[in-house]
Amino acid sequence: MTAPQAISGNPFVVSAPDPSLPLSIRGMSKAYEGKAVLDALDLDVPAGTVLGLLGRNGAGKSTLMECALGLRGMELGQARLFGEDAMQLTDATRARLGYVPQDSGIFEWMTASQLLEYFASFYPRWNTAKVDMLLARWGIERNKSINKMSGGQKQRLSIIRALAPDPELLVLDEPVAALDPAGRRDFLRELVDSVERGTTIIFSTHILTDLERIAMDVAFLREGKISVQAPLDELIDQARRVTGPASVLTGKMPRAVLGSQRLPDGQLSAVVRVDSRSEAELANLVPQGVRIDRVGLEDLFVELTQ
């Protein structure tokens, strides 16, 4: 994969991906029919991290995951997995990966056993005991044709296939969309077990309560770029919604403004990240009609992805 080049005569510099990380992306750009989906995107995922990838429908989350894994080409940029170019992975590195796509409708003429036996042939660390345990726990019939399974059963089978090789990097694209609450709980339990073994996980979902249970870090995808990447607990602890007269707040906001909008009657509302100093400075404005509220993950999602 070639390094990013100048566009329209305007050069830009992109540093090389970090080869020490499970996943490192620099300058990833992808367009469909002339419309940019990913725009010079950078992303680093350290070992042992559980990263929640958040974005609106159509923001490019699936495209990002597919390009990162070398399943789809990109116009510019580079992704490296365990130091290898994603488009030129060795079999040894592929065996370190697990992936659950949003739509796993492949090999539906096979039975569950046939599918799992087929994939087991590619992975030297295939965990047969885990496969047997999950098939039994989730009620998947070994000899049932996949095309006769419900959507939830197909998704469970896809999850089993991804977990079976005990991957070092597990990429999950909306893996629980077809699961009921009990199925999601069991799945999250398996993810916790994987985290305890040091697996690096990238997890895309719209079910924010599930994300809060498992994610260490979050990354928000907006307009083709990662707009914010931060530890989840830290982001929740630092986020505030500040509302008050624009005449009072102008020039007094912290530098980390995540989103803002003008309200009627000259009011301004903004979501910001604060430290102890900036929070104290904002608190001094309360007598002038300024209100400061804590912000949850749902509000952050709205602000950081719109």
C-alpha atoms as a PDB file:
ATOM      1  CA  MET A   1       0.000   0.000   0.000  1.00  0.00           C
ATOM      2  CA  THR A   2       1.463   3.332  -0.999  1.00  0.00           C
ATOM      3  CA  ALA A   3       1.844   6.206   1.418  1.00  0.00           C
ATOM      4  CA  PRO A   4      -0.557   9.153   1.144  1.00  0.00           C
ATOM      5  CA  GLN A   5       0.286  11.619  -1.619  1.00  0.00           C
ATOM      6  CA  ALA A   6      -0.473  15.286  -2.128  1.00  0.00           C
ATOM      7  CA  ILE A   7      -4.066  16.075  -3.098  1.00  0.00           C
ATOM      8  CA  SER A   8      -4.809  18.979  -5.476  1.00  0.00           C
ATOM      9  CA  GLY A   9      -1.214  20.147  -5.142  1.00  0.00           C
ATOM     10  CA  ASN A  10      -1.429  20.592  -1.359  1.00  0.00           C
ATOM     11  CA  PRO A  11       1.134  18.344   0.362  1.00  0.00           C
ATOM     12  CA  PHE A  12       0.478  16.946   3.806  1.00  0.00           C
ATOM     13  CA  VAL A  13       2.577  14.840   6.104  1.00  0.00           C
ATOM     14  CA  VAL A  14       1.367  11.553   7.564  1.00  0.00           C
ATOM     15  CA  SER A  15       3.496   9.768  10.144  1.00  0.00           C
ATOM     16  CA  ALA A  16       4.059   6.043   9.784  1.00  0.00           C
ATOM     17  CA  PRO A  17       1.788   3.576  11.619  1.00  0.00           C
ATOM     18  CA  ASP A  18       3.191   2.264  14.910  1.00  0.00           C
ATOM     19  CA  PRO A  19       4.359  -1.326  14.269  1.00  0.00           C
ATOM     20  CA  SER A  20       4.271  -2.200  17.972  1.00  0.00           C
ATOM     21  CA  LEU A  21       0.461  -1.914  18.174  1.00  0.00           C
ATOM     22  CA  PRO A  22      -2.187  -4.522  17.305  1.00  0.00           C
ATOM     23  CA  LEU A  23      -3.745  -1.914  14.990  1.00  0.00           C
ATOM     24  CA  SER A  24      -2.309   1.370  13.765  1.00  0.00           C
ATOM     25  CA  ILE A  25      -3.838   3.444  10.941  1.00  0.00           C
ATOM     26  CA  ARG A  26      -2.458   6.535   9.239  1.00  0.00           C
ATOM     27  CA  GLY A  27      -4.137   8.653   6.582  1.00  0.00           C
ATOM     28  CA  MET A  28      -6.849   6.139   5.704  1.00  0.00           C
ATOM     29  CA  SER A  29      -9.076   7.512   2.946  1.00  0.00           C
ATOM     30  CA  LYS A  30     -11.935   5.733   1.208  1.00  0.00           C
ATOM     31  CA  ALA A  31     -14.636   7.030  -1.123  1.00  0.00           C
ATOM     32  CA  TYR A  32     -17.693   5.525  -2.813  1.00  0.00           C
ATOM     33  CA  GLU A  33     -18.939   7.059  -6.070  1.00  0.00           C
ATOM     34  CA  GLY A  34     -16.843  10.141  -5.439  1.00  0.00           C
ATOM     35  CA  LYS A  35     -18.127  10.683  -1.888  1.00  0.00           C
ATOM     36  CA  ALA A  36     -15.537  10.468   0.889  1.00  0.00           C
ATOM     37  CA  VAL A  37     -16.427   8.016   3.653  1.00  0.00           C
ATOM     38  CA  LEU A  38     -13.054   7.981   5.420  1.00  0.00           C
ATOM     39  CA  ASP A  39     -10.910  11.090   5.131  1.00  0.00           C
ATOM     40  CA  ALA A  40      -7.225  10.829   6.125  1.00  0.00           C
ATOM     41  CA  LEU A  41      -8.257   8.964   9.268  1.00  0.00           C
ATOM     42  CA  ASP A  42      -5.740   8.099  11.995  1.00  0.00           C
ATOM     43  CA  LEU A  43      -6.315   5.538  14.738  1.00  0.00           C
ATOM     44  CA  ASP A  44      -4.097   3.675  17.213  1.00  0.00           C
ATOM     45  CA  VAL A  45      -5.346   0.763  19.324  1.00  0.00           C
ATOM     46  CA  PRO A  46      -2.915  -0.322  22.081  1.00  0.00           C
ATOM     47  CA  ALA A  47      -2.644  -3.939  23.183  1.00  0.00           C
ATOM     48  CA  GLY A  48      -5.224  -5.032  25.737  1.00  0.00           C
ATOM     49  CA  THR A  49      -7.594  -2.156  24.969  1.00  0.00           C
ATOM     50  CA  VAL A  50     -11.342  -2.562  24.519  1.00  0.00           C
ATOM     51  CA  LEU A  51     -12.239   0.237  22.121  1.00  0.00           C
ATOM     52  CA  GLY A  52     -15.851   1.189  21.484  1.00  0.00           C
ATOM     53  CA  LEU A  53     -16.232   2.629  17.982  1.00  0.00           C
ATOM     54  CA  LEU A  54     -19.204   4.983  17.785  1.00  0.00           C
ATOM     55  CA  GLY A  55     -20.801   6.771  14.863  1.00  0.00           C
ATOM     56  CA  ARG A  56     -24.124   7.409  13.158  1.00  0.00           C
ATOM     57  CA  ASN A  57     -25.534   4.989  10.590  1.00  0.00           C
ATOM     58  CA  GLY A  58     -23.586   5.489   7.384  1.00  0.00           C
ATOM     59  CA  ALA A  59     -20.654   7.159   9.132  1.00  0.00           C
ATOM     60  CA  GLY A  60     -18.246   4.526   7.809  1.00  0.00           C
ATOM     61  CA  LYS A  61     -17.693   2.239  10.804  1.00  0.00           C
ATOM     62  CA  SER A  62     -17.996  -0.973   8.776  1.00  0.00           C
ATOM     63  CA  THR A  63     -15.801   0.464   6.021  1.00  0.00           C
ATOM     64  CA  LEU A  64     -13.181   1.421   8.599  1.00  0.00           C
ATOM     65  CA  MET A  65     -13.147  -2.094  10.050  1.00  0.00           C
ATOM     66  CA  GLU A  66     -12.980  -3.771   6.646  1.00  0.00           C
ATOM     67  CA  CYS A  67     -10.130  -1.530   5.472  1.00  0.00           C
ATOM     68  CA  ALA A  68      -8.297  -2.004   8.772  1.00  0.00           C
ATOM     69  CA  LEU A  69      -8.431  -5.786   8.330  1.00  0.00           C
ATOM     70  CA  GLY A  70      -7.353  -5.691   4.694  1.00  0.00           C
ATOM     71  CA  LEU A  71     -10.751  -6.887   3.466  1.00  0.00           C
ATOM     72  CA  ARG A  72     -11.325  -3.741   1.425  1.00  0.00           C
ATOM     73  CA  GLY A  73      -8.832  -1.517  -0.344  1.00  0.00           C
ATOM     74  CA  MET A  74      -8.394   2.176   0.383  1.00  0.00           C
ATOM     75  CA  GLU A  75      -7.457   5.084  -1.867  1.00  0.00           C
ATOM     76  CA  LEU A  76      -4.784   6.479   0.441  1.00  0.00           C
ATOM     77  CA  GLY A  77      -3.172   5.605   3.730  1.00  0.00           C
ATOM     78  CA  GLN A  78      -2.027   2.481   5.477  1.00  0.00           C
ATOM     79  CA  ALA A  79      -3.231   0.132   8.201  1.00  0.00           C
ATOM     80  CA  ARG A  80      -0.855  -2.171  10.042  1.00  0.00           C
ATOM     81  CA  LEU A  81      -1.847  -5.183  12.136  1.00  0.00           C
ATOM     82  CA  PHE A  82       0.837  -6.371  14.542  1.00  0.00           C
ATOM     83  CA  GLY A  83       3.323  -4.503  12.366  1.00  0.00           C
ATOM     84  CA  GLU A  84       2.223  -5.993   9.027  1.00  0.00           C
ATOM     85  CA  ASP A  85       0.529  -4.167   6.163  1.00  0.00           C
ATOM     86  CA  ALA A  86      -3.164  -5.074   6.342  1.00  0.00           C
ATOM     87  CA  MET A  87      -3.211  -5.778   2.600  1.00  0.00           C
ATOM     88  CA  GLN A  88      -0.261  -8.181   2.788  1.00  0.00           C
ATOM     89  CA  LEU A  89      -0.835 -10.202   5.946  1.00  0.00           C
ATOM     90  CA  THR A  90       0.961 -13.468   6.534  1.00  0.00           C
ATOM     91  CA  ASP A  91      -1.047 -16.541   7.528  1.00  0.00           C
ATOM     92  CA  ALA A  92       0.509 -16.339  10.991  1.00  0.00           C
ATOM     93  CA  THR A  93      -0.863 -12.833  11.540  1.00  0.00           C
ATOM     94  CA  ARG A  94      -4.273 -13.708  10.096  1.00  0.00           C
ATOM     95  CA  ALA A  95      -4.460 -16.486  12.689  1.00  0.00           C
ATOM     96  CA  ARG A  96      -4.163 -13.837  15.425  1.00  0.00           C
ATOM     97  CA  LEU A  97      -7.367 -12.082  14.279  1.00  0.00           C
ATOM     98  CA  GLY A  98     -11.055 -12.634  14.956  1.00  0.00           C
ATOM     99  CA  TYR A  99     -13.819 -10.775  13.112  1.00  0.00           C
ATOM    100  CA  VAL A 100     -17.609 -10.657  13.392  1.00  0.00           C
ATOM    101  CA  PRO A 101     -19.056  -8.692  10.438  1.00  0.00           C
ATOM    102  CA  GLN A 102     -22.383  -6.911  10.589  1.00  0.00           C
ATOM    103  CA  ASP A 103     -23.724  -9.284   7.950  1.00  0.00           C
ATOM    104  CA  SER A 104     -22.265 -12.767   8.323  1.00  0.00           C
ATOM    105  CA  GLY A 105     -24.406 -14.427   5.623  1.00  0.00           C
ATOM    106  CA  ILE A 106     -21.738 -16.737   4.188  1.00  0.00           C
ATOM    107  CA  PHE A 107     -21.629 -20.500   3.647  1.00  0.00           C
ATOM    108  CA  GLU A 108     -25.303 -20.779   4.569  1.00  0.00           C
ATOM    109  CA  TRP A 109     -25.586 -24.132   2.796  1.00  0.00           C
ATOM    110  CA  MET A 110     -23.316 -25.652   5.464  1.00  0.00           C
ATOM    111  CA  THR A 111     -24.259 -26.955   8.883  1.00  0.00           C
ATOM    112  CA  ALA A 112     -22.811 -25.354  11.997  1.00  0.00           C
ATOM    113  CA  SER A 113     -20.329 -28.215  12.382  1.00  0.00           C
ATOM    114  CA  GLN A 114     -19.208 -28.013   8.761  1.00  0.00           C
ATOM    115  CA  LEU A 115     -18.660 -24.255   9.008  1.00  0.00           C
ATOM    116  CA  LEU A 116     -16.639 -24.514  12.198  1.00  0.00           C
ATOM    117  CA  GLU A 117     -14.565 -27.432  10.920  1.00  0.00           C
ATOM    118  CA  TYR A 118     -13.790 -25.460   7.766  1.00  0.00           C
ATOM    119  CA  PHE A 119     -12.540 -22.423   9.690  1.00  0.00           C
ATOM    120  CA  ALA A 120     -10.684 -24.572  12.237  1.00  0.00           C
ATOM    121  CA  SER A 121      -8.364 -25.692   9.428  1.00  0.00           C
ATOM    122  CA  PHE A 122      -6.967 -22.136   9.173  1.00  0.00           C
ATOM    123  CA  TYR A 123      -6.219 -21.610  12.871  1.00  0.00           C
ATOM    124  CA  PRO A 124      -3.488 -23.486  14.761  1.00  0.00           C
ATOM    125  CA  ARG A 125      -4.915 -22.376  18.131  1.00  0.00           C
ATOM    126  CA  TRP A 126      -8.535 -23.383  17.501  1.00  0.00           C
ATOM    127  CA  ASN A 127     -10.161 -23.896  20.917  1.00  0.00           C
ATOM    128  CA  THR A 128     -12.446 -26.924  20.477  1.00  0.00           C
ATOM    129  CA  ALA A 129     -13.449 -26.928  24.143  1.00  0.00           C
ATOM    130  CA  LYS A 130     -14.682 -23.338  23.876  1.00  0.00           C
ATOM    131  CA  VAL A 131     -16.615 -24.153  20.698  1.00  0.00           C
ATOM    132  CA  ASP A 132     -18.329 -27.117  22.370  1.00  0.00           C
ATOM    133  CA  MET A 133     -19.175 -25.041  25.439  1.00  0.00           C
ATOM    134  CA  LEU A 134     -20.647 -22.124  23.478  1.00  0.00           C
ATOM    135  CA  LEU A 135     -22.633 -24.341  21.107  1.00  0.00           C
ATOM    136  CA  ALA A 136     -24.230 -26.027  24.115  1.00  0.00           C
ATOM    137  CA  ARG A 137     -24.787 -22.827  26.095  1.00  0.00           C
ATOM    138  CA  TRP A 138     -26.345 -20.970  23.160  1.00  0.00           C
ATOM    139  CA  GLY A 139     -28.425 -23.895  21.898  1.00  0.00           C
ATOM    140  CA  ILE A 140     -26.846 -24.124  18.440  1.00  0.00           C
ATOM    141  CA  GLU A 141     -27.596 -27.469  16.777  1.00  0.00           C
ATOM    142  CA  ARG A 142     -24.434 -28.814  15.175  1.00  0.00           C
ATOM    143  CA  ASN A 143     -26.188 -30.529  12.259  1.00  0.00           C
ATOM    144  CA  LYS A 144     -28.690 -27.793  11.475  1.00  0.00           C
ATOM    145  CA  SER A 145     -28.229 -25.966   8.166  1.00  0.00           C
ATOM    146  CA  ILE A 146     -27.262 -22.350   8.668  1.00  0.00           C
ATOM    147  CA  ASN A 147     -29.900 -21.175   6.194  1.00  0.00           C
ATOM    148  CA  LYS A 148     -32.554 -22.633   8.517  1.00  0.00           C
ATOM    149  CA  MET A 149     -31.315 -20.760  11.592  1.00  0.00           C
ATOM    150  CA  SER A 150     -32.847 -17.592  13.004  1.00  0.00           C
ATOM    151  CA  GLY A 151     -30.969 -14.300  12.748  1.00  0.00           C
ATOM    152  CA  GLY A 152     -29.938 -14.555  16.391  1.00  0.00           C
ATOM    153  CA  GLN A 153     -28.611 -18.103  15.952  1.00  0.00           C
ATOM    154  CA  LYS A 154     -26.595 -17.066  12.898  1.00  0.00           C
ATOM    155  CA  GLN A 155     -25.100 -14.187  14.841  1.00  0.00           C
ATOM    156  CA  ARG A 156     -24.222 -16.463  17.757  1.00  0.00           C
ATOM    157  CA  LEU A 157     -22.542 -18.883  15.357  1.00  0.00           C
ATOM    158  CA  SER A 158     -20.544 -16.026  13.821  1.00  0.00           C
ATOM    159  CA  ILE A 159     -19.437 -14.994  17.298  1.00  0.00           C
ATOM    160  CA  ILE A 160     -18.375 -18.559  18.141  1.00  0.00           C
ATOM    161  CA  ARG A 161     -16.359 -18.707  14.919  1.00  0.00           C
ATOM    162  CA  ALA A 162     -14.560 -15.471  15.841  1.00  0.00           C
ATOM    163  CA  LEU A 163     -13.865 -16.455  19.460  1.00  0.00           C
ATOM    164  CA  ALA A 164     -12.753 -20.035  18.748  1.00  0.00           C
ATOM    165  CA  PRO A 165      -9.147 -19.263  17.708  1.00  0.00           C
ATOM    166  CA  ASP A 166      -8.559 -17.249  20.921  1.00  0.00           C
ATOM    167  CA  PRO A 167      -7.636 -14.196  18.817  1.00  0.00           C
ATOM    168  CA  GLU A 168      -5.240 -11.531  20.015  1.00  0.00           C
ATOM    169  CA  LEU A 169      -7.252  -8.864  18.141  1.00  0.00           C
ATOM    170  CA  LEU A 170     -11.039  -9.243  17.984  1.00  0.00           C
ATOM    171  CA  VAL A 171     -13.011  -6.893  15.703  1.00  0.00           C
ATOM    172  CA  LEU A 172     -16.790  -6.826  16.208  1.00  0.00           C
ATOM    173  CA  ASP A 173     -19.141  -4.913  13.908  1.00  0.00           C
ATOM    174  CA  GLU A 174     -22.575  -4.599  15.566  1.00  0.00           C
ATOM    175  CA  PRO A 175     -22.247  -8.161  16.943  1.00  0.00           C
ATOM    176  CA  VAL A 176     -25.337  -8.096  19.159  1.00  0.00           C
ATOM    177  CA  ALA A 177     -27.874  -6.485  16.811  1.00  0.00           C
ATOM    178  CA  ALA A 178     -29.900  -9.713  16.470  1.00  0.00           C
ATOM    179  CA  LEU A 179     -29.473 -10.961  20.039  1.00  0.00           C
ATOM    180  CA  ASP A 180     -32.037 -10.747  22.814  1.00  0.00           C
ATOM    181  CA  PRO A 181     -31.003  -9.353  26.239  1.00  0.00           C
ATOM    182  CA  ALA A 182     -30.033 -12.813  27.545  1.00  0.00           C
ATOM    183  CA  GLY A 183     -27.908 -13.436  24.455  1.00  0.00           C
ATOM    184  CA  ARG A 184     -26.212 -10.052  24.833  1.00  0.00           C
ATOM    185  CA  ARG A 185     -25.451 -10.782  28.475  1.00  0.00           C
ATOM    186  CA  ASP A 186     -23.827 -14.118  27.600  1.00  0.00           C
ATOM    187  CA  PHE A 187     -21.849 -12.497  24.811  1.00  0.00           C
ATOM    188  CA  LEU A 188     -20.559  -9.732  27.070  1.00  0.00           C
ATOM    189  CA  ARG A 189     -19.516 -12.387  29.580  1.00  0.00           C
ATOM    190  CA  GLU A 190     -17.371 -13.999  26.889  1.00  0.00           C
ATOM    191  CA  LEU A 191     -15.848 -10.626  26.049  1.00  0.00           C
ATOM    192  CA  VAL A 192     -14.943 -10.063  29.695  1.00  0.00           C
ATOM    193  CA  ASP A 193     -13.199 -13.447  29.704  1.00  0.00           C
ATOM    194  CA  SER A 194     -11.312 -12.430  26.565  1.00  0.00           C
ATOM    195  CA  VAL A 195     -10.272  -9.132  28.132  1.00  0.00           C
ATOM    196  CA  GLU A 196      -8.918 -10.961  31.167  1.00  0.00           C
ATOM    197  CA  ARG A 197      -6.687 -12.953  28.800  1.00  0.00           C
ATOM    198  CA  GLY A 198      -5.370  -9.717  27.271  1.00  0.00           C
ATOM    199  CA  THR A 199      -7.277  -9.732  23.982  1.00  0.00           C
ATOM    200  CA  THR A 200      -7.481  -6.388  22.178  1.00  0.00           C
ATOM    201  CA  ILE A 201     -11.088  -5.675  21.130  1.00  0.00           C
ATOM    202  CA  ILE A 202     -12.662  -3.157  18.754  1.00  0.00           C
ATOM    203  CA  PHE A 203     -16.399  -3.124  19.320  1.00  0.00           C
ATOM    204  CA  SER A 204     -18.985  -1.210  17.263  1.00  0.00           C
ATOM    205  CA  THR A 205     -22.528  -1.028  18.628  1.00  0.00           C
ATOM    206  CA  HIS A 206     -25.520   1.278  18.992  1.00  0.00           C
ATOM    207  CA  ILE A 207     -26.464  -0.271  22.344  1.00  0.00           C
ATOM    208  CA  LEU A 208     -24.623   2.180  24.560  1.00  0.00           C
ATOM    209  CA  THR A 209     -25.447   0.388  27.812  1.00  0.00           C
ATOM    210  CA  ASP A 210     -23.581  -2.677  26.522  1.00  0.00           C
ATOM    211  CA  LEU A 211     -20.655  -0.513  25.513  1.00  0.00           C
ATOM    212  CA  GLU A 212     -20.456   1.054  28.972  1.00  0.00           C
ATOM    213  CA  ARG A 213     -20.144  -2.418  30.522  1.00  0.00           C
ATOM    214  CA  ILE A 214     -17.147  -3.494  28.492  1.00  0.00           C
ATOM    215  CA  ALA A 215     -15.335  -0.577  26.796  1.00  0.00           C
ATOM    216  CA  MET A 216     -12.169   0.965  28.221  1.00  0.00           C
ATOM    217  CA  ASP A 217     -11.781   3.570  25.480  1.00  0.00           C
ATOM    218  CA  VAL A 218     -14.189   5.123  22.985  1.00  0.00           C
ATOM    219  CA  ALA A 219     -13.580   6.624  19.547  1.00  0.00           C
ATOM    220  CA  PHE A 220     -16.184   8.749  17.756  1.00  0.00           C
ATOM    221  CA  LEU A 221     -16.283   8.653  13.954  1.00  0.00           C
ATOM    222  CA  ARG A 222     -17.599  11.816  12.318  1.00  0.00           C
ATOM    223  CA  GLU A 223     -17.106  13.237   8.818  1.00  0.00           C
ATOM    224  CA  GLY A 224     -14.600  10.527   7.961  1.00  0.00           C
ATOM    225  CA  LYS A 225     -12.291  11.123  10.909  1.00  0.00           C
ATOM    226  CA  ILE A 226     -11.939  10.101  14.529  1.00  0.00           C
ATOM    227  CA  SER A 227     -13.162  13.276  16.204  1.00  0.00           C
ATOM    228  CA  VAL A 228     -12.422  12.158  19.772  1.00  0.00           C
ATOM    229  CA  GLN A 229     -10.632   9.117  21.205  1.00  0.00           C
ATOM    230  CA  ALA A 230     -10.343   8.860  24.981  1.00  0.00           C
ATOM    231  CA  PRO A 231     -10.733   6.533  27.968  1.00  0.00           C
ATOM    232  CA  LEU A 232     -14.481   6.196  28.549  1.00  0.00           C
ATOM    233  CA  ASP A 233     -14.413   6.797  32.310  1.00  0.00           C
ATOM    234  CA  GLU A 234     -12.204   9.851  31.871  1.00  0.00           C
ATOM    235  CA  LEU A 235     -14.421  11.306  29.157  1.00  0.00           C
ATOM    236  CA  ILE A 236     -17.598  10.822  31.212  1.00  0.00           C
ATOM    237  CA  ASP A 237     -15.892  12.300  34.271  1.00  0.00           C
ATOM    238  CA  GLN A 238     -14.733  15.400  32.376  1.00  0.00           C
ATOM    239  CA  ALA A 239     -17.723  16.104  30.127  1.00  0.00           C
ATOM    240  CA  ARG A 240     -20.058  18.976  31.038  1.00  0.00           C
ATOM    241  CA  ARG A 241     -22.917  20.763  29.312  1.00  0.00           C
ATOM    242  CA  VAL A 242     -22.561  24.500  29.786  1.00  0.00           C
ATOM    243  CA  THR A 243     -25.603  26.692  29.075  1.00  0.00           C
ATOM    244  CA  GLY A 244     -25.895  30.430  29.494  1.00  0.00           C
ATOM    245  CA  PRO A 245     -25.893  33.849  27.847  1.00  0.00           C
ATOM    246  CA  ALA A 246     -23.584  33.905  24.837  1.00  0.00           C
ATOM    247  CA  SER A 247     -22.408  37.342  25.946  1.00  0.00           C
ATOM    248  CA  VAL A 248     -21.112  35.784  29.183  1.00  0.00           C
ATOM    249  CA  LEU A 249     -19.684  32.559  27.748  1.00  0.00           C
ATOM    250  CA  THR A 250     -17.951  33.957  24.662  1.00  0.00           C
ATOM    251  CA  GLY A 251     -14.216  33.729  25.250  1.00  0.00           C
ATOM    252  CA  LYS A 252     -14.682  31.881  28.540  1.00  0.00           C
ATOM    253  CA  MET A 253     -15.096  28.307  27.263  1.00  0.00           C
ATOM    254  CA  PRO A 254     -12.455  25.623  27.849  1.00  0.00           C
ATOM    255  CA  ARG A 255     -10.385  24.826  24.781  1.00  0.00           C
ATOM    256  CA  ALA A 256     -11.902  21.333  24.486  1.00  0.00           C
ATOM    257  CA  VAL A 257     -15.345  22.181  23.097  1.00  0.00           C
ATOM    258  CA  LEU A 258     -16.969  18.975  21.812  1.00  0.00           C
ATOM    259  CA  GLY A 259     -20.096  20.582  20.381  1.00  0.00           C
ATOM    260  CA  SER A 260     -22.053  23.823  20.654  1.00  0.00           C
ATOM    261  CA  GLN A 261     -25.228  25.475  19.422  1.00  0.00           C
ATOM    262  CA  ARG A 262     -26.936  28.832  19.642  1.00  0.00           C
ATOM    263  CA  LEU A 263     -30.276  28.885  21.435  1.00  0.00           C
ATOM    264  CA  PRO A 264     -33.089  31.447  21.348  1.00  0.00           C
ATOM    265  CA  ASP A 265     -32.820  34.629  23.385  1.00  0.00           C
ATOM    266  CA  GLY A 266     -29.045  34.880  23.013  1.00  0.00           C
ATOM    267  CA  GLN A 267     -28.289  31.662  24.872  1.00  0.00           C
ATOM    268  CA  LEU A 268     -25.392  29.323  24.083  1.00  0.00           C
ATOM    269  CA  SER A 269     -25.213  25.607  24.915  1.00  0.00           C
ATOM    270  CA  ALA A 270     -21.960  23.658  24.613  1.00  0.00           C
ATOM    271  CA  VAL A 271     -20.578  20.285  25.648  1.00  0.00           C
ATOM    272  CA  VAL A 272     -17.007  20.646  26.853  1.00  0.00           C
ATOM    273  CA  ARG A 273     -14.236  18.682  28.540  1.00  0.00           C
ATOM    274  CA  VAL A 274     -13.003  20.281  31.745  1.00  0.00           C
ATOM    275  CA  ASP A 275     -10.120  19.938  34.149  1.00  0.00           C
ATOM    276  CA  SER A 276     -10.224  21.224  37.721  1.00  0.00           C
ATOM    277  CA  ARG A 277      -9.069  24.699  36.706  1.00  0.00           C
ATOM    278  CA  SER A 278     -11.488  25.215  33.799  1.00  0.00           C
ATOM    279  CA  GLU A 279     -14.391  23.789  35.833  1.00  0.00           C
ATOM    280  CA  ALA A 280     -13.676  26.274  38.616  1.00  0.00           C
ATOM    281  CA  GLU A 281     -13.533  29.128  36.094  1.00  0.00           C
ATOM    282  CA  LEU A 282     -16.911  28.081  34.680  1.00  0.00           C
ATOM    283  CA  ALA A 283     -18.343  27.800  38.189  1.00  0.00           C
ATOM    284  CA  ASN A 284     -17.476  31.476  38.744  1.00  0.00           C
ATOM    285  CA  LEU A 285     -19.909  32.315  35.916  1.00  0.00           C
ATOM    286  CA  VAL A 286     -22.912  30.655  37.583  1.00  0.00           C
ATOM    287  CA  PRO A 287     -24.056  33.944  39.217  1.00  0.00           C
ATOM    288  CA  GLN A 288     -24.234  35.421  35.706  1.00  0.00           C
ATOM    289  CA  GLY A 289     -26.823  32.877  34.562  1.00  0.00           C
ATOM    290  CA  VAL A 290     -24.558  30.005  33.515  1.00  0.00           C
ATOM    291  CA  ARG A 291     -25.635  26.428  34.218  1.00  0.00           C
ATOM    292  CA  ILE A 292     -23.242  23.448  34.356  1.00  0.00           C
ATOM    293  CA  ASP A 293     -24.508  19.854  34.087  1.00  0.00           C
ATOM    294  CA  ARG A 294     -22.828  16.471  33.830  1.00  0.00           C
ATOM    295  CA  VAL A 295     -23.197  14.626  30.510  1.00  0.00           C
ATOM    296  CA  GLY A 296     -23.783  10.918  29.927  1.00  0.00           C
ATOM    297  CA  LEU A 297     -22.609   8.724  27.073  1.00  0.00           C
ATOM    298  CA  GLU A 298     -25.873   9.103  25.139  1.00  0.00           C
ATOM    299  CA  ASP A 299     -25.572  12.898  25.091  1.00  0.00           C
ATOM    300  CA  LEU A 300     -21.915  12.616  24.126  1.00  0.00           C
ATOM    301  CA  PHE A 301     -22.859  10.316  21.265  1.00  0.00           C
ATOM    302  CA  VAL A 302     -25.329  12.900  19.944  1.00  0.00           C
ATOM    303  CA  GLU A 303     -22.864  15.774  20.237  1.00  0.00           C
ATOM    304  CA  LEU A 304     -19.833  13.985  18.839  1.00  0.00           C
ATOM    305  CA  THR A 305     -21.449  12.219  15.887  1.00  0.00           C
ATOM    306  CA  GLN A 306     -23.886  14.779  14.482  1.00  0.00           C
END
